[in-house]
């Protein structure tokens, strides 16, 4: 299988002033299909630093092409 596209979904849980938990996500598309998991972790850390957010979960979504 050939990886065609890679995307990251970065999720953080925020506690509101009322004490409720709110889920916030940020999706980043069209990343390098050859990126390793370590590369993607480092990229997520860079995004955390730039935005001041802290992600509780990092999901990697890969789209693959299969031959028929």
C-alpha atoms as a PDB file:
ATOM      1  CA  UNK A   1       0.000   0.000   0.000  1.00  0.00           C
ATOM      2  CA  UNK A   2       1.144   3.507  -0.770  1.00  0.00           C
ATOM      3  CA  UNK A   3       0.331   6.303   1.638  1.00  0.00           C
ATOM      4  CA  UNK A   4      -1.281   9.122  -0.319  1.00  0.00           C
ATOM      5  CA  UNK A   5      -2.131  11.639   2.419  1.00  0.00           C
ATOM      6  CA  UNK A   6      -1.393  12.155   6.101  1.00  0.00           C
ATOM      7  CA  UNK A   7      -3.355  14.338   8.510  1.00  0.00           C
ATOM      8  CA  UNK A   8      -3.096  15.022  12.239  1.00  0.00           C
ATOM      9  CA  UNK A   9      -6.004  15.559  14.589  1.00  0.00           C
ATOM     10  CA  UNK A  10      -4.842  17.272  17.784  1.00  0.00           C
ATOM     11  CA  UNK A  11      -7.338  17.088  20.657  1.00  0.00           C
ATOM     12  CA  UNK A  12      -7.351  18.901  23.973  1.00  0.00           C
ATOM     13  CA  UNK A  13      -9.832  18.784  26.825  1.00  0.00           C
ATOM     14  CA  UNK A  14     -10.577  22.150  28.413  1.00  0.00           C
ATOM     15  CA  UNK A  15     -12.358  22.664  31.726  1.00  0.00           C
ATOM     16  CA  UNK A  16     -14.674  25.676  31.515  1.00  0.00           C
ATOM     17  CA  UNK A  17     -15.154  28.120  34.411  1.00  0.00           C
ATOM     18  CA  UNK A  18     -18.441  26.303  35.127  1.00  0.00           C
ATOM     19  CA  UNK A  19     -16.493  23.069  35.679  1.00  0.00           C
ATOM     20  CA  UNK A  20     -17.636  21.361  32.481  1.00  0.00           C
ATOM     21  CA  UNK A  21     -15.224  19.577  30.170  1.00  0.00           C
ATOM     22  CA  UNK A  22     -15.066  20.872  26.613  1.00  0.00           C
ATOM     23  CA  UNK A  23     -13.266  19.084  23.778  1.00  0.00           C
ATOM     24  CA  UNK A  24     -11.368  21.172  21.231  1.00  0.00           C
ATOM     25  CA  UNK A  25      -9.702  19.753  18.111  1.00  0.00           C
ATOM     26  CA  UNK A  26      -7.334  21.086  15.492  1.00  0.00           C
ATOM     27  CA  UNK A  27      -6.883  19.190  12.200  1.00  0.00           C
ATOM     28  CA  UNK A  28      -3.833  19.662  10.012  1.00  0.00           C
ATOM     29  CA  UNK A  29      -3.994  18.169   6.502  1.00  0.00           C
ATOM     30  CA  UNK A  30      -1.596  17.412   3.663  1.00  0.00           C
ATOM     31  CA  UNK A  31       1.449  16.498   5.708  1.00  0.00           C
ATOM     32  CA  UNK A  32       4.415  14.625   4.267  1.00  0.00           C
ATOM     33  CA  UNK A  33       3.287  11.028   3.572  1.00  0.00           C
ATOM     34  CA  UNK A  34       6.818   9.802   4.351  1.00  0.00           C
ATOM     35  CA  UNK A  35       6.824  11.342   7.854  1.00  0.00           C
ATOM     36  CA  UNK A  36       7.485   8.905  10.702  1.00  0.00           C
ATOM     37  CA  UNK A  37       5.506   8.815  13.940  1.00  0.00           C
ATOM     38  CA  UNK A  38       8.410  10.581  15.669  1.00  0.00           C
ATOM     39  CA  UNK A  39       8.312  13.338  13.023  1.00  0.00           C
ATOM     40  CA  UNK A  40       4.579  13.787  13.597  1.00  0.00           C
ATOM     41  CA  UNK A  41       5.043  13.886  17.402  1.00  0.00           C
ATOM     42  CA  UNK A  42       7.680  16.604  16.999  1.00  0.00           C
ATOM     43  CA  UNK A  43       5.382  18.530  14.669  1.00  0.00           C
ATOM     44  CA  UNK A  44       2.548  18.318  17.235  1.00  0.00           C
ATOM     45  CA  UNK A  45       4.947  19.634  19.903  1.00  0.00           C
ATOM     46  CA  UNK A  46       5.876  22.570  17.654  1.00  0.00           C
ATOM     47  CA  UNK A  47       2.183  23.384  17.128  1.00  0.00           C
ATOM     48  CA  UNK A  48       1.677  23.219  20.928  1.00  0.00           C
ATOM     49  CA  UNK A  49       4.510  25.698  21.415  1.00  0.00           C
ATOM     50  CA  UNK A  50       3.227  28.088  18.747  1.00  0.00           C
ATOM     51  CA  UNK A  51      -0.413  28.044  19.917  1.00  0.00           C
ATOM     52  CA  UNK A  52       0.105  27.699  23.674  1.00  0.00           C
ATOM     53  CA  UNK A  53      -2.277  24.736  23.677  1.00  0.00           C
ATOM     54  CA  UNK A  54      -1.652  21.333  25.296  1.00  0.00           C
ATOM     55  CA  UNK A  55      -2.932  18.305  23.395  1.00  0.00           C
ATOM     56  CA  UNK A  56      -4.206  15.276  25.266  1.00  0.00           C
ATOM     57  CA  UNK A  57      -4.410  13.145  22.131  1.00  0.00           C
ATOM     58  CA  UNK A  58      -2.656  13.107  18.761  1.00  0.00           C
ATOM     59  CA  UNK A  59      -4.331  11.057  16.009  1.00  0.00           C
ATOM     60  CA  UNK A  60      -2.651  10.218  12.723  1.00  0.00           C
ATOM     61  CA  UNK A  61      -4.991   9.688   9.768  1.00  0.00           C
ATOM     62  CA  UNK A  62      -3.417   8.049   6.709  1.00  0.00           C
ATOM     63  CA  UNK A  63      -5.083   7.618   3.335  1.00  0.00           C
ATOM     64  CA  UNK A  64      -3.650   4.746   1.322  1.00  0.00           C
ATOM     65  CA  UNK A  65      -3.971   3.588  -2.249  1.00  0.00           C
ATOM     66  CA  UNK A  66      -4.406  -0.111  -2.891  1.00  0.00           C
ATOM     67  CA  UNK A  67      -3.955  -1.716  -6.280  1.00  0.00           C
ATOM     68  CA  UNK A  68      -6.782  -3.668  -7.858  1.00  0.00           C
END
